[in-house]
Amino acid sequence: MPTRGTPTRDGKVGAPDERTCRLCWGEEDEGPLVQPCACRGSQKWIHKHCLETWRRTSPREDAAYRCGECKDHYRDALSLELLRARIQAERADGEGIAFTLNTLALELKDQGKYDEAEPLFREALEVQRETLGNRHPSTLVSINNLGSLLKAKSDFAAAEPLLREALEVSRETLGNRHPNTLASINNLGGLLVNKGDLAAAEPLLREALGVQRETQGSRHPRTLISISNFGMLLQAKGDLAAAEPLLCQALGVSRKTLGNRHPDTLDSISNLGGLLLDKGDLAAAEPLLREALEVQRETLGNRHPDTLTSISNLGALLYAKRNLAAAEPLLREALVARRATLGNRHPDTLASISNFGVLLWAKGDLTAAESLLREAVEGLRATLGSGHPDTLASIGKLRRLLVRSGVGCTHTSIASCSRRSPSLISVMAALFACSAIVCVYVF
């Protein structure tokens, strides 16, 4: 998109508080000015109608769905409309559609519309397997994209063979240091963490981080994802002291290089806030969790998975502060929206079920709490297995509730009794981001 102004010494364009359209130079009296992306300074403002005209008429293929300056995606209905129209035209003309299918599917995934994205990813992969073969770089990207989506849906059994296939062939054809191979390493490592197999995940995430520091530098966006991923692995292992400097580094560099409103920065804000919450440093965690939630509500919407994570985490923090009245509407909102968007058996939904059950327990409604905690335990056993850390944590909560209510330790599968106060699950945002790319020749 053509823009105006001369960059200043700090890299910004124009006065930072100047509210004028970066395209037509007009002010607010000529139409509402919006911030559609992660651009900073005066570049962040544009008339809504100017942006829509540019996106509909620009010769740039990516103008429909992302900013040409900061590369942040718009994640809105117009992106979907324009990409769907492009696919329809390509089908009518008999053109290759795999690239646009992947682009639209990634846009749907970024907007949290997982079920709509899945058939498009599957079609793109089928086309590329047939036309390019199983070992072509573009096919490997499509394999990774579908596997990453299934991982986001917590269909780990279906995701794992795809991510292993992509990594194995990438190592053979592209080498161990290629950016796409490193993305595959991160994706498989993240899946293993989500499955609770931290021992298998650690060497993969350590490998990805080490090579990306060497080849892409410590400030590259993909390196920052690897830094966050390894920090969250350490957090999952309980090594908060080692995890904190990594998450601080990722956030500090993301703020400087990507800006405060970029999705990767918001993920880093949420991740560090979640770690501080786990540490019990509520005073330091609260402003971070509030910042992430405020911007995510504005940029992603109230029902996006990342926004729901931030809602849940802020609710958990307020619960930890014993402010049950403020925590309850947030935890209820997260639970209702997750049931509607992710389904009742998604691990994030089950975390919300468990959290709301614990809140009701704290309020003295033991009957309602028991029902929710039993639902969480049953769901986690079915989806993650009886030995997964999240399952064991929920079993422990249910057992303590049964002891508290006088039922006693009646379930042989519940490991131990305890009268400790219940705690909430803090879900780490963007757990092991995927670094998914549409096609290798885009970048």
Protein backbone atom coordinates (compact mmCIF):
# COMPACT_ATOMS: atom_id res chain seq x y z
CA MET A 1 0.00 0.00 0.00
CA PRO A 2 1.48 3.41 -0.91
CA THR A 3 2.06 5.46 2.20
CA ARG A 4 3.23 8.94 2.95
CA GLY A 5 5.80 10.57 5.15
CA THR A 6 9.54 10.28 5.75
CA PRO A 7 10.82 7.87 8.37
CA THR A 8 12.35 9.53 11.40
CA ARG A 9 15.56 8.37 13.04
CA ASP A 10 13.63 5.92 15.24
CA GLY A 11 11.95 4.35 12.23
CA LYS A 12 8.53 5.93 12.69
CA VAL A 13 6.76 7.93 9.99
CA GLY A 14 5.34 11.30 10.87
CA ALA A 15 4.31 12.47 14.31
CA PRO A 16 3.30 9.52 16.50
CA ASP A 17 0.03 11.19 17.59
CA GLU A 18 -0.94 12.49 14.14
CA ARG A 19 -4.38 11.07 13.32
CA THR A 20 -4.51 11.28 9.55
CA CYS A 21 -5.11 8.65 6.91
CA ARG A 22 -1.88 7.13 5.66
CA LEU A 23 -3.36 6.75 2.18
CA CYS A 24 -5.30 9.96 1.41
CA TRP A 25 -3.88 12.21 4.17
CA GLY A 26 -7.44 13.08 5.24
CA GLU A 27 -8.57 13.50 8.83
CA GLU A 28 -11.44 12.07 10.86
CA ASP A 29 -14.00 14.52 9.50
CA GLU A 30 -13.69 12.65 6.18
CA GLY A 31 -14.56 9.29 7.71
CA PRO A 32 -13.64 7.04 10.63
CA LEU A 33 -9.95 6.32 11.10
CA VAL A 34 -9.12 2.77 12.12
CA GLN A 35 -6.07 0.75 13.18
CA PRO A 36 -6.41 -2.41 11.08
CA CYS A 37 -2.94 -3.87 11.59
CA ALA A 38 0.25 -3.66 13.64
CA CYS A 39 1.72 -0.56 11.94
CA ARG A 40 2.96 2.11 14.35
CA GLY A 41 3.22 5.88 14.52
CA SER A 42 1.10 7.85 12.07
CA GLN A 43 1.20 4.81 9.77
CA LYS A 44 -1.30 3.02 11.98
CA TRP A 45 -4.25 5.24 10.94
CA ILE A 46 -6.28 4.85 7.77
CA HIS A 47 -9.82 5.62 6.73
CA LYS A 48 -11.96 2.51 6.74
CA HIS A 49 -13.26 3.29 3.25
CA CYS A 50 -9.76 3.99 1.90
CA LEU A 51 -8.53 0.65 3.19
CA GLU A 52 -11.45 -1.26 1.72
CA THR A 53 -11.00 0.39 -1.68
CA TRP A 54 -7.30 -0.43 -1.66
CA ARG A 55 -7.90 -4.04 -0.72
CA ARG A 56 -10.53 -4.52 -3.41
CA THR A 57 -8.56 -2.86 -6.23
CA SER A 58 -4.86 -3.33 -5.47
CA PRO A 59 -2.80 -5.38 -7.92
CA ARG A 60 -0.96 -6.96 -4.98
CA GLU A 61 -2.18 -10.50 -4.32
CA ASP A 62 -1.80 -10.18 -0.55
CA ALA A 63 -3.57 -6.80 -0.25
CA ALA A 64 -6.86 -8.62 0.28
CA TYR A 65 -5.86 -10.06 3.62
CA ARG A 66 -2.72 -8.42 5.06
CA CYS A 67 -0.92 -5.11 5.36
CA GLY A 68 1.87 -4.60 2.87
CA GLU A 69 3.99 -2.75 5.43
CA CYS A 70 3.88 -4.72 8.69
CA LYS A 71 2.56 -7.97 7.11
CA ASP A 72 -0.02 -8.31 9.87
CA HIS A 73 -3.24 -9.97 8.73
CA TYR A 74 -6.49 -8.02 8.91
CA ARG A 75 -8.42 -11.08 10.17
CA ASP A 76 -11.82 -9.76 9.12
CA ALA A 77 -14.85 -10.64 7.02
CA LEU A 78 -13.54 -8.75 3.98
CA SER A 79 -10.44 -10.96 3.87
CA LEU A 80 -12.66 -14.03 3.69
CA GLU A 81 -14.96 -12.47 1.09
CA LEU A 82 -12.12 -11.51 -1.26
CA LEU A 83 -10.26 -14.80 -0.93
CA ARG A 84 -13.43 -16.82 -1.50
CA ALA A 85 -14.16 -14.78 -4.62
CA ARG A 86 -10.61 -15.44 -5.82
CA ILE A 87 -11.00 -19.18 -5.35
CA GLN A 88 -14.30 -19.13 -7.23
CA ALA A 89 -12.68 -17.30 -10.13
CA GLU A 90 -9.70 -19.66 -10.20
CA ARG A 91 -12.00 -22.68 -10.24
CA ALA A 92 -13.98 -21.20 -13.13
CA ASP A 93 -10.81 -20.46 -15.09
CA GLY A 94 -9.31 -23.87 -14.42
CA GLU A 95 -6.31 -22.32 -12.66
CA GLY A 96 -4.32 -23.92 -9.87
CA ILE A 97 -6.07 -23.17 -6.59
CA ALA A 98 -3.83 -24.79 -3.97
CA PHE A 99 -2.10 -21.55 -3.04
CA THR A 100 -5.35 -19.63 -2.53
CA LEU A 101 -6.93 -22.57 -0.71
CA ASN A 102 -4.05 -22.55 1.75
CA THR A 103 -4.24 -18.77 2.07
CA LEU A 104 -7.97 -18.78 2.83
CA ALA A 105 -7.60 -21.73 5.19
CA LEU A 106 -4.83 -19.97 7.12
CA GLU A 107 -6.98 -16.84 7.31
CA LEU A 108 -9.87 -18.87 8.71
CA LYS A 109 -7.51 -20.53 11.19
CA ASP A 110 -6.14 -17.13 12.26
CA GLN A 111 -9.72 -16.03 12.90
CA GLY A 112 -10.38 -19.11 15.03
CA LYS A 113 -12.70 -20.73 12.46
CA TYR A 114 -11.07 -24.15 12.64
CA ASP A 115 -13.93 -26.22 11.28
CA GLU A 116 -14.23 -24.03 8.19
CA ALA A 117 -10.48 -24.14 7.59
CA GLU A 118 -10.09 -27.92 7.76
CA PRO A 119 -11.75 -28.94 4.46
CA LEU A 120 -9.77 -26.28 2.60
CA PHE A 121 -6.48 -27.48 4.05
CA ARG A 122 -7.42 -31.03 3.14
CA GLU A 123 -8.31 -30.08 -0.43
CA ALA A 124 -5.08 -28.12 -0.88
CA LEU A 125 -3.04 -31.06 0.39
CA GLU A 126 -4.86 -33.53 -1.84
CA VAL A 127 -4.25 -31.35 -4.90
CA GLN A 128 -0.56 -30.94 -4.12
CA ARG A 129 0.02 -34.62 -3.39
CA GLU A 130 -1.51 -35.43 -6.79
CA THR A 131 0.21 -32.70 -8.82
CA LEU A 132 3.54 -32.18 -7.06
CA GLY A 133 4.12 -35.41 -5.17
CA ASN A 134 4.61 -36.13 -1.48
CA ARG A 135 8.11 -34.69 -1.18
CA HIS A 136 7.70 -31.32 -2.89
CA PRO A 137 8.35 -28.34 -0.58
CA SER A 138 4.88 -26.92 -1.22
CA THR A 139 3.28 -30.26 -0.37
CA LEU A 140 5.27 -30.37 2.86
CA VAL A 141 3.95 -26.93 3.78
CA SER A 142 0.39 -28.14 3.21
CA ILE A 143 1.06 -31.22 5.34
CA ASN A 144 2.36 -28.95 8.11
CA ASN A 145 -0.61 -26.61 7.78
CA LEU A 146 -3.17 -29.39 8.12
CA GLY A 147 -1.24 -31.01 10.97
CA SER A 148 -0.99 -27.69 12.80
CA LEU A 149 -4.71 -27.07 12.42
CA LEU A 150 -5.52 -30.52 13.80
CA LYS A 151 -3.15 -29.81 16.68
CA ALA A 152 -5.03 -26.55 17.38
CA LYS A 153 -8.25 -28.59 17.40
CA SER A 154 -6.54 -31.00 19.84
CA ASP A 155 -6.94 -33.92 17.44
CA PHE A 156 -3.45 -35.07 18.36
CA ALA A 157 -3.85 -38.59 16.98
CA ALA A 158 -4.56 -37.22 13.50
CA ALA A 159 -2.02 -34.39 13.73
CA GLU A 160 1.02 -36.37 14.82
CA PRO A 161 1.57 -38.57 11.73
CA LEU A 162 1.25 -35.52 9.49
CA LEU A 163 3.74 -33.47 11.48
CA ARG A 164 6.16 -36.40 11.66
CA GLU A 165 5.87 -36.94 7.90
CA ALA A 166 6.54 -33.25 7.19
CA LEU A 167 9.57 -33.19 9.47
CA GLU A 168 11.09 -36.43 8.22
CA VAL A 169 10.85 -35.45 4.55
CA SER A 170 11.96 -31.86 5.24
CA ARG A 171 15.11 -33.13 6.94
CA GLU A 172 15.83 -35.36 3.95
CA THR A 173 15.06 -32.87 1.18
CA LEU A 174 15.72 -29.43 2.67
CA GLY A 175 18.24 -30.21 5.39
CA ASN A 176 18.17 -29.68 9.12
CA ARG A 177 18.79 -25.93 9.03
CA HIS A 178 16.20 -24.86 6.46
CA PRO A 179 13.55 -22.46 7.88
CA ASN A 180 10.74 -24.80 6.88
CA THR A 181 12.45 -27.73 8.60
CA LEU A 182 12.82 -25.62 11.73
CA ALA A 183 9.13 -24.76 11.60
CA SER A 184 8.36 -28.48 11.36
CA ILE A 185 10.59 -29.19 14.35
CA ASN A 186 8.74 -26.54 16.36
CA ASN A 187 5.36 -27.88 15.31
CA LEU A 188 6.12 -31.45 16.30
CA GLY A 189 7.76 -30.31 19.54
CA GLY A 190 4.67 -28.29 20.40
CA LEU A 191 2.41 -31.25 19.73
CA LEU A 192 4.46 -33.43 22.06
CA VAL A 193 4.22 -30.81 24.81
CA ASN A 194 0.47 -30.63 24.35
CA LYS A 195 0.39 -34.41 24.71
CA GLY A 196 2.39 -34.13 27.93
CA ASP A 197 5.52 -35.81 26.51
CA LEU A 198 7.97 -33.15 27.67
CA ALA A 199 10.99 -35.43 27.48
CA ALA A 200 10.48 -36.03 23.76
CA ALA A 201 9.64 -32.40 23.07
CA GLU A 202 12.67 -30.81 24.72
CA PRO A 203 15.42 -31.90 22.29
CA LEU A 204 13.30 -30.80 19.33
CA LEU A 205 12.53 -27.35 20.73
CA ARG A 206 16.13 -26.92 21.86
CA GLU A 207 17.35 -27.84 18.36
CA ALA A 208 14.99 -25.39 16.66
CA LEU A 209 15.98 -22.53 18.96
CA GLY A 210 19.71 -23.15 18.62
CA VAL A 211 19.68 -23.25 14.83
CA GLN A 212 17.36 -20.28 14.48
CA ARG A 213 19.58 -18.16 16.71
CA GLU A 214 22.52 -19.07 14.45
CA THR A 215 20.85 -18.70 11.07
CA GLN A 216 18.17 -16.05 11.55
CA GLY A 217 19.41 -14.12 14.56
CA SER A 218 17.87 -13.55 17.96
CA ARG A 219 15.44 -10.85 16.79
CA HIS A 220 13.81 -12.67 13.88
CA PRO A 221 10.07 -13.30 14.43
CA ARG A 222 10.49 -17.06 14.03
CA THR A 223 13.37 -17.08 16.50
CA LEU A 224 11.16 -15.22 18.97
CA ILE A 225 8.53 -17.93 18.57
CA SER A 226 11.17 -20.56 19.31
CA ILE A 227 12.33 -18.61 22.37
CA SER A 228 8.75 -18.48 23.62
CA ASN A 229 8.20 -22.15 22.88
CA PHE A 230 11.27 -23.23 24.80
CA GLY A 231 10.38 -20.93 27.67
CA MET A 232 6.91 -22.44 27.87
CA LEU A 233 8.38 -25.94 27.79
CA LEU A 234 10.48 -25.03 30.82
CA GLN A 235 7.39 -23.58 32.47
CA ALA A 236 5.51 -26.82 31.82
CA LYS A 237 8.41 -28.66 33.47
CA GLY A 238 8.07 -26.40 36.49
CA ASP A 239 11.36 -24.57 35.94
CA LEU A 240 9.91 -21.07 36.21
CA ALA A 241 13.27 -19.47 37.01
CA ALA A 242 14.73 -20.63 33.68
CA ALA A 243 11.55 -19.90 31.73
CA GLU A 244 11.09 -16.30 32.86
CA PRO A 245 14.14 -14.70 31.16
CA LEU A 246 13.24 -16.39 27.87
CA LEU A 247 9.67 -15.12 27.95
CA CYS A 248 10.90 -11.66 28.99
CA GLN A 249 13.33 -11.66 26.05
CA ALA A 250 10.65 -12.70 23.58
CA LEU A 251 8.30 -9.99 24.79
CA GLY A 252 10.91 -7.24 24.92
CA VAL A 253 12.10 -7.84 21.37
CA SER A 254 8.58 -8.32 20.03
CA ARG A 255 7.50 -4.96 21.44
CA LYS A 256 10.45 -3.27 19.74
CA THR A 257 10.33 -5.04 16.38
CA LEU A 258 6.65 -5.87 15.88
CA GLY A 259 4.86 -3.32 18.06
CA ASN A 260 2.43 -3.74 20.93
CA ARG A 261 -0.59 -4.75 18.82
CA HIS A 262 0.96 -7.50 16.73
CA PRO A 263 -0.54 -10.95 17.45
CA ASP A 264 2.88 -12.40 18.27
CA THR A 265 3.49 -9.62 20.78
CA LEU A 266 0.09 -10.18 22.36
CA ASP A 267 0.90 -13.88 22.67
CA SER A 268 4.18 -12.97 24.38
CA ILE A 269 2.38 -10.60 26.75
CA SER A 270 -0.08 -13.37 27.66
CA ASN A 271 2.69 -15.93 28.06
CA LEU A 272 4.73 -13.81 30.44
CA GLY A 273 1.61 -12.82 32.35
CA GLY A 274 0.70 -16.48 32.71
CA LEU A 275 4.15 -17.35 34.01
CA LEU A 276 4.03 -14.54 36.56
CA LEU A 277 0.60 -15.79 37.61
CA ASP A 278 2.07 -19.27 38.09
CA LYS A 279 4.83 -17.71 40.21
CA GLY A 280 2.25 -15.98 42.35
CA ASP A 281 3.45 -12.51 41.33
CA LEU A 282 -0.06 -11.22 40.83
CA ALA A 283 0.90 -7.54 40.89
CA ALA A 284 3.24 -7.97 37.92
CA ALA A 285 0.95 -10.37 36.07
CA GLU A 286 -2.25 -8.33 36.19
CA PRO A 287 -1.29 -5.37 33.94
CA LEU A 288 0.09 -7.76 31.33
CA LEU A 289 -3.02 -9.94 31.28
CA ARG A 290 -5.27 -6.88 31.12
CA GLU A 291 -3.23 -5.38 28.28
CA ALA A 292 -3.37 -8.57 26.24
CA LEU A 293 -7.10 -8.98 26.77
CA GLU A 294 -7.97 -5.39 25.92
CA VAL A 295 -6.13 -5.44 22.59
CA GLN A 296 -7.26 -8.96 21.69
CA ARG A 297 -10.90 -8.05 22.24
CA GLU A 298 -10.38 -5.13 19.88
CA THR A 299 -8.31 -6.87 17.20
CA LEU A 300 -9.39 -10.51 17.34
CA GLY A 301 -12.89 -10.31 18.77
CA ASN A 302 -14.44 -11.73 21.91
CA ARG A 303 -14.70 -15.36 20.76
CA HIS A 304 -11.25 -15.91 19.23
CA PRO A 305 -9.33 -18.73 20.96
CA ASP A 306 -6.50 -16.37 21.97
CA THR A 307 -8.96 -13.87 23.44
CA LEU A 308 -10.68 -16.64 25.37
CA THR A 309 -7.31 -17.72 26.77
CA SER A 310 -6.70 -14.17 28.01
CA ILE A 311 -10.22 -13.97 29.48
CA SER A 312 -9.63 -17.24 31.31
CA ASN A 313 -6.20 -16.18 32.56
CA LEU A 314 -7.43 -12.84 33.87
CA GLY A 315 -10.28 -14.67 35.58
CA ALA A 316 -7.75 -17.04 37.15
CA LEU A 317 -5.72 -14.09 38.41
CA LEU A 318 -8.76 -12.42 39.97
CA TYR A 319 -9.67 -15.74 41.58
CA ALA A 320 -6.14 -15.95 43.00
CA LYS A 321 -6.71 -12.47 44.46
CA ARG A 322 -9.91 -13.88 46.04
CA ASN A 323 -12.00 -11.42 44.04
CA LEU A 324 -14.61 -14.01 43.15
CA ALA A 325 -17.21 -11.45 42.09
CA ALA A 326 -14.88 -10.10 39.38
CA ALA A 327 -13.56 -13.53 38.38
CA GLU A 328 -16.93 -15.20 37.87
CA PRO A 329 -18.19 -13.30 34.78
CA LEU A 330 -14.85 -13.77 33.04
CA LEU A 331 -14.64 -17.50 33.75
CA ARG A 332 -18.28 -17.93 32.74
CA GLU A 333 -17.69 -16.01 29.49
CA ALA A 334 -14.68 -18.16 28.63
CA LEU A 335 -16.57 -21.38 29.36
CA VAL A 336 -19.69 -20.48 27.38
CA ALA A 337 -17.71 -19.28 24.36
CA ARG A 338 -15.38 -22.29 24.38
CA ARG A 339 -18.27 -24.71 24.52
CA ALA A 340 -19.79 -22.92 21.51
CA THR A 341 -16.62 -22.51 19.42
CA LEU A 342 -14.30 -25.36 20.41
CA GLY A 343 -16.74 -27.98 21.62
CA ASN A 344 -17.08 -29.72 24.97
CA ARG A 345 -14.08 -32.06 24.57
CA HIS A 346 -11.38 -29.55 23.59
CA PRO A 347 -8.71 -29.30 26.31
CA ASP A 348 -9.21 -25.53 26.58
CA THR A 349 -12.93 -26.05 27.14
CA LEU A 350 -12.20 -28.71 29.72
CA ALA A 351 -9.82 -26.30 31.48
CA SER A 352 -12.65 -23.75 31.61
CA ILE A 353 -15.06 -26.39 32.93
CA SER A 354 -12.59 -27.26 35.67
CA ASN A 355 -11.92 -23.61 36.47
CA PHE A 356 -15.58 -22.73 36.77
CA GLY A 357 -16.13 -25.77 38.93
CA VAL A 358 -13.36 -24.63 41.27
CA LEU A 359 -14.92 -21.15 41.41
CA LEU A 360 -18.27 -22.63 42.42
CA TRP A 361 -16.46 -24.72 45.00
CA ALA A 362 -14.93 -21.58 46.48
CA LYS A 363 -18.40 -20.00 46.56
CA GLY A 364 -19.71 -23.00 48.50
CA ASP A 365 -21.83 -24.57 45.74
CA LEU A 366 -20.29 -28.02 46.08
CA THR A 367 -22.99 -29.88 44.18
CA ALA A 368 -22.60 -27.78 41.01
CA ALA A 369 -18.83 -27.81 41.40
CA GLU A 370 -18.70 -31.59 41.60
CA SER A 371 -20.71 -31.97 38.40
CA LEU A 372 -18.32 -29.72 36.46
CA LEU A 373 -15.17 -31.30 37.88
CA ARG A 374 -16.46 -34.77 37.01
CA GLU A 375 -17.16 -33.58 33.47
CA ALA A 376 -13.63 -32.17 33.22
CA VAL A 377 -12.01 -35.38 34.48
CA GLU A 378 -14.06 -37.55 32.14
CA GLY A 379 -13.29 -35.34 29.16
CA LEU A 380 -9.57 -35.08 29.88
CA ARG A 381 -9.27 -38.84 30.33
CA ALA A 382 -10.93 -39.34 26.95
CA THR A 383 -8.93 -36.72 25.05
CA LEU A 384 -5.52 -36.55 26.73
CA GLY A 385 -5.34 -39.81 28.64
CA SER A 386 -5.29 -40.68 32.33
CA GLY A 387 -1.59 -39.93 32.76
CA HIS A 388 -1.53 -36.45 31.23
CA PRO A 389 -0.59 -33.69 33.73
CA ASP A 390 -3.84 -31.79 33.09
CA THR A 391 -5.87 -34.93 33.73
CA LEU A 392 -4.00 -35.65 36.95
CA ALA A 393 -4.50 -32.07 38.11
CA SER A 394 -8.25 -32.29 37.51
CA ILE A 395 -8.43 -35.65 39.28
CA GLY A 396 -6.70 -34.07 42.26
CA LYS A 397 -9.22 -31.23 42.36
CA LEU A 398 -12.15 -33.62 42.21
CA ARG A 399 -10.68 -35.76 44.97
CA ARG A 400 -10.17 -32.78 47.25
CA LEU A 401 -13.74 -31.66 46.60
CA LEU A 402 -15.07 -35.10 47.50
CA VAL A 403 -13.09 -35.05 50.75
CA ARG A 404 -14.35 -31.54 51.49
CA SER A 405 -17.98 -32.54 50.85
CA GLY A 406 -17.68 -35.65 53.01
CA VAL A 407 -17.98 -38.18 50.20
CA GLY A 408 -14.48 -39.48 50.84
CA CYS A 409 -11.89 -40.97 48.53
CA THR A 410 -14.16 -43.35 46.70
CA HIS A 411 -12.54 -43.33 43.25
CA THR A 412 -9.66 -45.78 43.00
CA SER A 413 -8.26 -43.81 40.05
CA ILE A 414 -7.86 -40.70 42.17
CA ALA A 415 -4.35 -40.75 43.50
CA SER A 416 -4.24 -38.90 46.82
CA CYS A 417 -6.29 -36.85 49.25
CA SER A 418 -5.48 -33.26 50.08
CA ARG A 419 -7.27 -30.38 51.80
CA ARG A 420 -5.40 -27.64 49.99
CA SER A 421 -7.44 -24.80 48.55
CA PRO A 422 -8.33 -25.34 44.91
CA SER A 423 -6.45 -23.46 42.23
CA LEU A 424 -7.30 -22.56 38.66
CA ILE A 425 -5.57 -23.63 35.48
CA SER A 426 -3.65 -20.85 33.77
CA VAL A 427 -3.64 -21.62 30.05
CA MET A 428 -0.59 -20.36 28.20
CA ALA A 429 -1.52 -18.30 25.17
CA ALA A 430 -0.49 -19.44 21.71
CA LEU A 431 1.05 -22.55 23.13
CA PHE A 432 3.77 -23.48 20.71
CA ALA A 433 2.90 -21.28 17.78
CA CYS A 434 3.12 -23.05 14.49
CA SER A 435 5.05 -20.72 12.20
CA ALA A 436 2.74 -21.96 9.47
CA ILE A 437 3.40 -20.63 5.98
CA VAL A 438 1.23 -20.74 2.90
CA CYS A 439 3.81 -21.85 0.38
CA VAL A 440 7.57 -21.79 0.40
CA TYR A 441 7.89 -19.52 -2.58
CA VAL A 442 5.86 -16.74 -0.95
CA PHE A 443 8.70 -15.60 1.26
